[in-house]
């Protein structure tokens, strides 16, 4: 089995979305990943549904930036997200409460 990529994880987000953990949230989260397998994606959380589209959106509620490999490490549990944030490998702008809640909205990749 090939290693999981950032694109695999992002494509799987709608399938792993748990609407019970996103009650009352209507927001866009911008993912900006650099390096190999990088790119820009918008994760839209609306009325208990999650959709993902490539590209950018003006005025996302949260903007998450990281190297694609660091993103995979955080999502897969190989990298501690707080440590990645403190080391500047994971950058967050915008609604910090939503950013902290965001991972709990998804089951395992």
C-alpha atoms as a PDB file:
ATOM      1  CA  UNK A   1       0.000   0.000   0.000  1.00  0.00           C
ATOM      2  CA  UNK A   2       1.350   3.426  -0.942  1.00  0.00           C
ATOM      3  CA  UNK A   3       1.872   6.068   1.691  1.00  0.00           C
ATOM      4  CA  UNK A   4      -1.024   8.390   2.338  1.00  0.00           C
ATOM      5  CA  UNK A   5      -0.602  11.787   0.651  1.00  0.00           C
ATOM      6  CA  UNK A   6      -1.985  15.196   1.546  1.00  0.00           C
ATOM      7  CA  UNK A   7      -4.262  14.975  -1.507  1.00  0.00           C
ATOM      8  CA  UNK A   8      -5.610  11.595  -0.302  1.00  0.00           C
ATOM      9  CA  UNK A   9      -6.348  13.018   3.135  1.00  0.00           C
ATOM     10  CA  UNK A  10      -8.051  16.130   1.783  1.00  0.00           C
ATOM     11  CA  UNK A  11     -10.118  14.135  -0.733  1.00  0.00           C
ATOM     12  CA  UNK A  12     -11.286  11.873   2.108  1.00  0.00           C
ATOM     13  CA  UNK A  13     -12.344  14.670   4.452  1.00  0.00           C
ATOM     14  CA  UNK A  14     -16.039  14.695   3.408  1.00  0.00           C
ATOM     15  CA  UNK A  15     -16.265  10.909   3.988  1.00  0.00           C
ATOM     16  CA  UNK A  16     -14.720  11.176   7.451  1.00  0.00           C
ATOM     17  CA  UNK A  17     -16.660  14.272   8.496  1.00  0.00           C
ATOM     18  CA  UNK A  18     -18.643  13.952  11.741  1.00  0.00           C
ATOM     19  CA  UNK A  19     -21.415  16.586  11.661  1.00  0.00           C
ATOM     20  CA  UNK A  20     -22.112  16.098  15.378  1.00  0.00           C
ATOM     21  CA  UNK A  21     -18.740  17.737  16.074  1.00  0.00           C
ATOM     22  CA  UNK A  22     -19.486  20.706  13.804  1.00  0.00           C
ATOM     23  CA  UNK A  23     -22.829  21.777  15.248  1.00  0.00           C
ATOM     24  CA  UNK A  24     -23.562  25.394  14.406  1.00  0.00           C
ATOM     25  CA  UNK A  25     -20.476  25.926  12.254  1.00  0.00           C
ATOM     26  CA  UNK A  26     -20.833  27.571   8.872  1.00  0.00           C
ATOM     27  CA  UNK A  27     -17.352  28.469   7.723  1.00  0.00           C
ATOM     28  CA  UNK A  28     -14.636  28.057   5.136  1.00  0.00           C
ATOM     29  CA  UNK A  29     -11.212  26.756   6.122  1.00  0.00           C
ATOM     30  CA  UNK A  30      -8.388  27.499   3.687  1.00  0.00           C
ATOM     31  CA  UNK A  31      -5.633  24.893   3.450  1.00  0.00           C
ATOM     32  CA  UNK A  32      -2.380  26.095   1.906  1.00  0.00           C
ATOM     33  CA  UNK A  33       0.156  23.292   1.593  1.00  0.00           C
ATOM     34  CA  UNK A  34       3.638  23.806   0.204  1.00  0.00           C
ATOM     35  CA  UNK A  35       6.259  21.420  -1.117  1.00  0.00           C
ATOM     36  CA  UNK A  36       5.749  18.092  -2.857  1.00  0.00           C
ATOM     37  CA  UNK A  37       2.001  17.286  -3.117  1.00  0.00           C
ATOM     38  CA  UNK A  38       1.184  20.856  -2.041  1.00  0.00           C
ATOM     39  CA  UNK A  39      -1.629  23.063  -3.225  1.00  0.00           C
ATOM     40  CA  UNK A  40      -4.593  25.112  -2.059  1.00  0.00           C
ATOM     41  CA  UNK A  41      -7.945  23.718  -0.979  1.00  0.00           C
ATOM     42  CA  UNK A  42     -11.083  25.133   0.594  1.00  0.00           C
ATOM     43  CA  UNK A  43     -12.915  23.029   3.178  1.00  0.00           C
ATOM     44  CA  UNK A  44     -16.488  24.321   3.429  1.00  0.00           C
ATOM     45  CA  UNK A  45     -18.484  23.468   6.517  1.00  0.00           C
ATOM     46  CA  UNK A  46     -22.161  24.290   6.011  1.00  0.00           C
ATOM     47  CA  UNK A  47     -25.330  23.049   7.701  1.00  0.00           C
ATOM     48  CA  UNK A  48     -23.760  19.810   8.923  1.00  0.00           C
ATOM     49  CA  UNK A  49     -22.039  19.035   5.605  1.00  0.00           C
ATOM     50  CA  UNK A  50     -18.421  19.158   4.487  1.00  0.00           C
ATOM     51  CA  UNK A  51     -17.183  19.744   0.969  1.00  0.00           C
ATOM     52  CA  UNK A  52     -13.682  20.239  -0.377  1.00  0.00           C
ATOM     53  CA  UNK A  53     -12.642  22.074  -3.525  1.00  0.00           C
ATOM     54  CA  UNK A  54      -9.252  23.002  -4.940  1.00  0.00           C
ATOM     55  CA  UNK A  55      -8.400  26.677  -4.947  1.00  0.00           C
ATOM     56  CA  UNK A  56      -8.746  29.612  -2.615  1.00  0.00           C
ATOM     57  CA  UNK A  57     -11.539  31.636  -1.087  1.00  0.00           C
ATOM     58  CA  UNK A  58     -11.584  35.284  -0.035  1.00  0.00           C
ATOM     59  CA  UNK A  59     -11.961  35.726   3.716  1.00  0.00           C
ATOM     60  CA  UNK A  60     -11.790  32.179   5.103  1.00  0.00           C
ATOM     61  CA  UNK A  61     -12.599  31.922   8.798  1.00  0.00           C
ATOM     62  CA  UNK A  62      -9.392  29.935   9.304  1.00  0.00           C
ATOM     63  CA  UNK A  63      -6.261  29.751   7.176  1.00  0.00           C
ATOM     64  CA  UNK A  64      -4.000  26.735   7.818  1.00  0.00           C
ATOM     65  CA  UNK A  65      -0.559  26.657   6.172  1.00  0.00           C
ATOM     66  CA  UNK A  66       2.032  23.878   6.302  1.00  0.00           C
ATOM     67  CA  UNK A  67       4.383  21.812   4.227  1.00  0.00           C
ATOM     68  CA  UNK A  68       2.371  18.933   2.758  1.00  0.00           C
ATOM     69  CA  UNK A  69       4.558  16.329   4.499  1.00  0.00           C
ATOM     70  CA  UNK A  70       4.142  18.052   7.871  1.00  0.00           C
ATOM     71  CA  UNK A  71       0.370  18.149   7.279  1.00  0.00           C
ATOM     72  CA  UNK A  72       0.357  14.389   6.622  1.00  0.00           C
ATOM     73  CA  UNK A  73       2.440  13.854   9.756  1.00  0.00           C
ATOM     74  CA  UNK A  74       0.013  15.827  11.910  1.00  0.00           C
ATOM     75  CA  UNK A  75      -3.099  14.162  10.467  1.00  0.00           C
ATOM     76  CA  UNK A  76      -1.617  10.671  10.712  1.00  0.00           C
ATOM     77  CA  UNK A  77      -0.567  11.222  14.322  1.00  0.00           C
ATOM     78  CA  UNK A  78       3.176  10.955  13.636  1.00  0.00           C
ATOM     79  CA  UNK A  79       3.685  14.650  14.432  1.00  0.00           C
ATOM     80  CA  UNK A  80       2.278  16.400  17.504  1.00  0.00           C
ATOM     81  CA  UNK A  81       0.124  19.293  16.220  1.00  0.00           C
ATOM     82  CA  UNK A  82       0.976  21.593  19.143  1.00  0.00           C
ATOM     83  CA  UNK A  83       4.687  20.987  18.627  1.00  0.00           C
ATOM     84  CA  UNK A  84       4.326  21.596  14.871  1.00  0.00           C
ATOM     85  CA  UNK A  85       2.512  24.864  15.634  1.00  0.00           C
ATOM     86  CA  UNK A  86       5.103  25.985  18.197  1.00  0.00           C
ATOM     87  CA  UNK A  87       7.950  25.173  15.776  1.00  0.00           C
ATOM     88  CA  UNK A  88       6.274  27.208  13.015  1.00  0.00           C
ATOM     89  CA  UNK A  89       5.646  24.147  10.834  1.00  0.00           C
ATOM     90  CA  UNK A  90       1.879  24.615  11.124  1.00  0.00           C
ATOM     91  CA  UNK A  91       0.650  28.185  10.785  1.00  0.00           C
ATOM     92  CA  UNK A  92      -2.857  29.215  11.741  1.00  0.00           C
ATOM     93  CA  UNK A  93      -4.561  32.531  11.085  1.00  0.00           C
ATOM     94  CA  UNK A  94      -8.104  33.542  11.935  1.00  0.00           C
ATOM     95  CA  UNK A  95     -10.545  31.928  14.341  1.00  0.00           C
ATOM     96  CA  UNK A  96      -8.284  29.996  16.716  1.00  0.00           C
ATOM     97  CA  UNK A  97     -11.246  28.342  18.478  1.00  0.00           C
ATOM     98  CA  UNK A  98     -12.450  26.901  15.169  1.00  0.00           C
ATOM     99  CA  UNK A  99      -8.901  25.860  14.256  1.00  0.00           C
ATOM    100  CA  UNK A 100      -8.592  23.969  17.547  1.00  0.00           C
ATOM    101  CA  UNK A 101     -11.972  22.285  17.001  1.00  0.00           C
ATOM    102  CA  UNK A 102     -11.377  21.466  13.311  1.00  0.00           C
ATOM    103  CA  UNK A 103      -9.488  18.129  13.748  1.00  0.00           C
ATOM    104  CA  UNK A 104     -12.234  16.719  15.995  1.00  0.00           C
ATOM    105  CA  UNK A 105     -14.710  17.096  13.117  1.00  0.00           C
ATOM    106  CA  UNK A 106     -13.053  14.249  11.247  1.00  0.00           C
ATOM    107  CA  UNK A 107     -12.517  10.586  12.021  1.00  0.00           C
ATOM    108  CA  UNK A 108      -9.310   8.802  11.107  1.00  0.00           C
ATOM    109  CA  UNK A 109      -7.913   9.365   7.624  1.00  0.00           C
END
